[in-house]
């Protein structure tokens, strides 16, 4: 139990904030990739713009979908594959997860501030069976706009109709124990892992 608590705190500390490209992603490329990919195969990983420009074979990043991104696919190939990158040794699992999180968050050049133009109804929260239109900012609408649907609220692991830290704790424990529930599989990849935890926390924060 003590080990799970420590891991929970480590996970929460690392995933509450959105991934920042300049301070978290580019240093990985600088350290492990640009010796070759300063311009190999037309792919230059020396800056955000170059990464998003892709290489001779096209785009290497599909914003919002790490599993379809050539960059993610290449860094997760078996080390025995001729196409595994980087060839001098695989990235750590933490680095791989960080890149996947950055891609799933939209592969943004920097961490965005709250969008002040987001109006009521452009984001929704299910609470105690009722659907509320909310914004990501301080101002929230108080009146419900309807009842929540019959489908289970993704991430609501204790079935209370609210996404909060209790659901995060349950999801972390499930990931550590190798368990699985459809409601916990936030990205639909059939596995409960750090990416699902990240998605749940960002959903709560938004």
Protein backbone atom coordinates (compact mmCIF):
# COMPACT_ATOMS: atom_id res chain seq x y z
CA UNK A 1 0.00 0.00 0.00
CA UNK A 2 2.88 2.36 0.85
CA UNK A 3 4.52 1.69 -2.52
CA UNK A 4 1.25 2.42 -4.34
CA UNK A 5 0.88 5.70 -2.46
CA UNK A 6 4.41 6.77 -3.43
CA UNK A 7 3.82 5.85 -7.06
CA UNK A 8 0.50 7.71 -7.01
CA UNK A 9 2.19 10.89 -5.77
CA UNK A 10 4.92 10.58 -8.39
CA UNK A 11 2.39 10.04 -11.15
CA UNK A 12 0.19 12.92 -10.04
CA UNK A 13 3.14 15.26 -9.80
CA UNK A 14 4.25 14.44 -13.34
CA UNK A 15 0.92 14.44 -15.15
CA UNK A 16 -1.22 17.23 -13.69
CA UNK A 17 0.45 19.82 -15.91
CA UNK A 18 0.32 19.77 -19.68
CA UNK A 19 3.52 18.80 -21.46
CA UNK A 20 5.63 21.76 -22.55
CA UNK A 21 7.42 21.20 -25.85
CA UNK A 22 10.45 23.46 -25.33
CA UNK A 23 11.35 22.27 -21.83
CA UNK A 24 10.27 18.60 -22.00
CA UNK A 25 10.13 17.31 -25.58
CA UNK A 26 12.84 19.19 -27.47
CA UNK A 27 15.51 18.20 -24.90
CA UNK A 28 14.75 14.52 -25.67
CA UNK A 29 15.26 15.14 -29.38
CA UNK A 30 18.40 17.21 -28.71
CA UNK A 31 19.92 14.48 -26.55
CA UNK A 32 18.90 11.39 -28.51
CA UNK A 33 17.87 12.27 -32.06
CA UNK A 34 19.36 15.30 -33.79
CA UNK A 35 22.83 13.80 -34.22
CA UNK A 36 21.24 11.96 -37.14
CA UNK A 37 17.99 13.83 -37.55
CA UNK A 38 19.44 17.24 -38.09
CA UNK A 39 18.19 16.46 -41.58
CA UNK A 40 18.35 12.69 -42.18
CA UNK A 41 15.71 11.42 -44.59
CA UNK A 42 14.53 15.01 -44.78
CA UNK A 43 13.44 14.83 -41.13
CA UNK A 44 14.79 17.56 -38.88
CA UNK A 45 14.00 17.28 -35.16
CA UNK A 46 15.98 20.36 -34.15
CA UNK A 47 12.91 22.56 -33.56
CA UNK A 48 9.13 22.40 -33.18
CA UNK A 49 8.48 23.77 -36.67
CA UNK A 50 10.86 21.27 -38.23
CA UNK A 51 9.24 18.38 -36.36
CA UNK A 52 5.77 19.40 -37.52
CA UNK A 53 7.01 19.82 -41.11
CA UNK A 54 7.74 16.08 -41.19
CA UNK A 55 10.16 14.31 -43.49
CA UNK A 56 10.35 12.90 -46.99
CA UNK A 57 7.63 10.37 -46.17
CA UNK A 58 5.24 13.00 -44.85
CA UNK A 59 4.07 14.06 -41.40
CA UNK A 60 5.55 12.22 -38.43
CA UNK A 61 3.12 13.62 -35.86
CA UNK A 62 -0.68 13.33 -35.94
CA UNK A 63 -1.86 15.81 -33.28
CA UNK A 64 -4.22 14.13 -30.82
CA UNK A 65 -3.37 10.58 -31.91
CA UNK A 66 -0.02 9.19 -30.78
CA UNK A 67 -0.76 5.67 -32.02
CA UNK A 68 -1.08 6.93 -35.61
CA UNK A 69 2.02 9.11 -35.46
CA UNK A 70 5.07 7.78 -37.29
CA UNK A 71 7.30 9.34 -34.65
CA UNK A 72 5.68 7.33 -31.85
CA UNK A 73 5.59 4.16 -33.94
CA UNK A 74 9.31 4.34 -34.70
CA UNK A 75 10.37 4.92 -31.08
CA UNK A 76 8.29 1.95 -29.88
CA UNK A 77 9.46 -0.66 -32.38
CA UNK A 78 11.41 -3.63 -30.98
CA UNK A 79 15.13 -2.93 -30.67
CA UNK A 80 15.70 -5.79 -33.11
CA UNK A 81 13.91 -3.86 -35.87
CA UNK A 82 16.02 -2.02 -38.44
CA UNK A 83 13.55 0.87 -38.19
CA UNK A 84 13.69 1.25 -34.41
CA UNK A 85 14.65 4.77 -33.35
CA UNK A 86 17.01 5.89 -32.02
CA UNK A 87 19.29 3.12 -33.34
CA UNK A 88 21.90 3.61 -30.61
CA UNK A 89 19.42 2.62 -27.86
CA UNK A 90 15.73 2.93 -27.10
CA UNK A 91 14.23 5.88 -25.26
CA UNK A 92 13.17 5.31 -21.67
CA UNK A 93 9.54 4.44 -21.04
CA UNK A 94 9.13 7.81 -19.33
CA UNK A 95 10.40 9.63 -22.44
CA UNK A 96 8.11 7.56 -24.67
CA UNK A 97 5.09 8.25 -22.46
CA UNK A 98 5.93 11.96 -22.37
CA UNK A 99 6.05 12.15 -26.17
CA UNK A 100 2.77 10.23 -26.41
CA UNK A 101 1.14 12.59 -23.91
CA UNK A 102 2.39 15.64 -25.82
CA UNK A 103 0.97 14.27 -29.07
CA UNK A 104 -2.38 13.36 -27.47
CA UNK A 105 -2.65 16.86 -26.03
CA UNK A 106 -2.50 18.20 -29.58
CA UNK A 107 1.28 18.38 -30.17
CA UNK A 108 1.22 22.04 -29.17
CA UNK A 109 4.27 24.34 -29.37
CA UNK A 110 3.67 25.54 -25.82
CA UNK A 111 1.27 25.05 -22.94
CA UNK A 112 -1.86 27.09 -23.70
CA UNK A 113 -3.54 29.40 -21.25
CA UNK A 114 -7.23 29.06 -20.58
CA UNK A 115 -9.18 30.20 -23.66
CA UNK A 116 -11.19 33.27 -22.58
CA UNK A 117 -13.33 33.00 -25.72
CA UNK A 118 -14.72 29.62 -24.68
CA UNK A 119 -18.38 30.23 -23.86
CA UNK A 120 -20.88 28.34 -21.77
CA UNK A 121 -21.95 25.19 -23.56
CA UNK A 122 -18.65 24.68 -25.35
CA UNK A 123 -17.54 22.37 -22.55
CA UNK A 124 -19.80 20.09 -20.55
CA UNK A 125 -19.64 18.44 -17.15
CA UNK A 126 -21.82 15.59 -15.87
CA UNK A 127 -22.64 16.07 -12.19
CA UNK A 128 -25.14 14.04 -10.16
CA UNK A 129 -27.04 13.01 -13.25
CA UNK A 130 -27.27 16.50 -14.74
CA UNK A 131 -25.30 18.04 -17.58
CA UNK A 132 -23.85 21.50 -16.97
CA UNK A 133 -22.37 23.86 -19.58
CA UNK A 134 -19.03 25.07 -18.27
CA UNK A 135 -15.95 26.91 -19.37
CA UNK A 136 -12.33 26.17 -18.56
CA UNK A 137 -12.10 29.51 -16.78
CA UNK A 138 -13.39 30.79 -13.45
CA UNK A 139 -16.90 31.57 -14.68
CA UNK A 140 -19.22 28.57 -14.84
CA UNK A 141 -22.88 28.39 -15.74
CA UNK A 142 -25.04 27.26 -12.83
CA UNK A 143 -28.14 25.99 -14.61
CA UNK A 144 -28.11 22.41 -15.98
CA UNK A 145 -28.87 22.03 -19.67
CA UNK A 146 -30.20 18.49 -19.43
CA UNK A 147 -29.69 15.06 -17.94
CA UNK A 148 -26.58 13.02 -18.50
CA UNK A 149 -26.89 10.23 -21.05
CA UNK A 150 -27.26 6.57 -20.21
CA UNK A 151 -23.68 5.85 -21.26
CA UNK A 152 -21.18 5.62 -18.44
CA UNK A 153 -19.17 8.78 -17.91
CA UNK A 154 -15.66 7.98 -19.06
CA UNK A 155 -13.31 8.03 -16.10
CA UNK A 156 -16.08 7.90 -13.47
CA UNK A 157 -14.78 4.78 -11.75
CA UNK A 158 -16.84 5.14 -8.57
CA UNK A 159 -20.10 5.86 -10.47
CA UNK A 160 -20.90 9.05 -8.60
CA UNK A 161 -21.46 11.11 -11.76
CA UNK A 162 -18.47 13.36 -11.00
CA UNK A 163 -14.90 13.24 -12.23
CA UNK A 164 -12.53 14.05 -9.37
CA UNK A 165 -9.37 12.97 -7.53
CA UNK A 166 -11.10 9.84 -6.23
CA UNK A 167 -11.41 8.57 -9.79
CA UNK A 168 -7.74 9.37 -10.38
CA UNK A 169 -6.74 7.32 -7.33
CA UNK A 170 -8.84 4.38 -8.49
CA UNK A 171 -7.37 4.57 -11.99
CA UNK A 172 -3.78 4.70 -10.72
CA UNK A 173 -4.40 1.64 -8.54
CA UNK A 174 -6.00 -0.14 -11.49
CA UNK A 175 -2.99 0.65 -13.69
CA UNK A 176 -0.59 -0.57 -11.01
CA UNK A 177 -2.57 -3.79 -10.52
CA UNK A 178 -2.94 -4.44 -14.26
CA UNK A 179 -6.73 -4.23 -14.04
CA UNK A 180 -9.16 -3.07 -16.70
CA UNK A 181 -12.57 -1.40 -16.96
CA UNK A 182 -14.09 0.17 -20.05
CA UNK A 183 -14.77 3.39 -18.13
CA UNK A 184 -11.07 3.69 -17.29
CA UNK A 185 -9.85 3.22 -20.87
CA UNK A 186 -9.91 6.91 -21.75
CA UNK A 187 -8.10 6.56 -25.08
CA UNK A 188 -9.65 3.24 -26.15
CA UNK A 189 -6.37 1.38 -26.59
CA UNK A 190 -7.39 -1.60 -24.43
CA UNK A 191 -4.81 -0.88 -21.72
CA UNK A 192 -5.02 1.19 -18.54
CA UNK A 193 -1.79 3.18 -18.21
CA UNK A 194 -0.29 6.61 -17.65
CA UNK A 195 -1.91 8.00 -20.81
CA UNK A 196 -5.40 7.25 -19.44
CA UNK A 197 -4.46 8.87 -16.13
CA UNK A 198 -3.19 11.95 -17.97
CA UNK A 199 -6.41 12.19 -20.01
CA UNK A 200 -8.57 11.87 -16.89
CA UNK A 201 -6.64 14.56 -15.00
CA UNK A 202 -6.75 16.96 -17.95
CA UNK A 203 -10.49 16.32 -18.29
CA UNK A 204 -10.96 17.20 -14.61
CA UNK A 205 -8.82 20.33 -14.93
CA UNK A 206 -10.72 21.48 -18.00
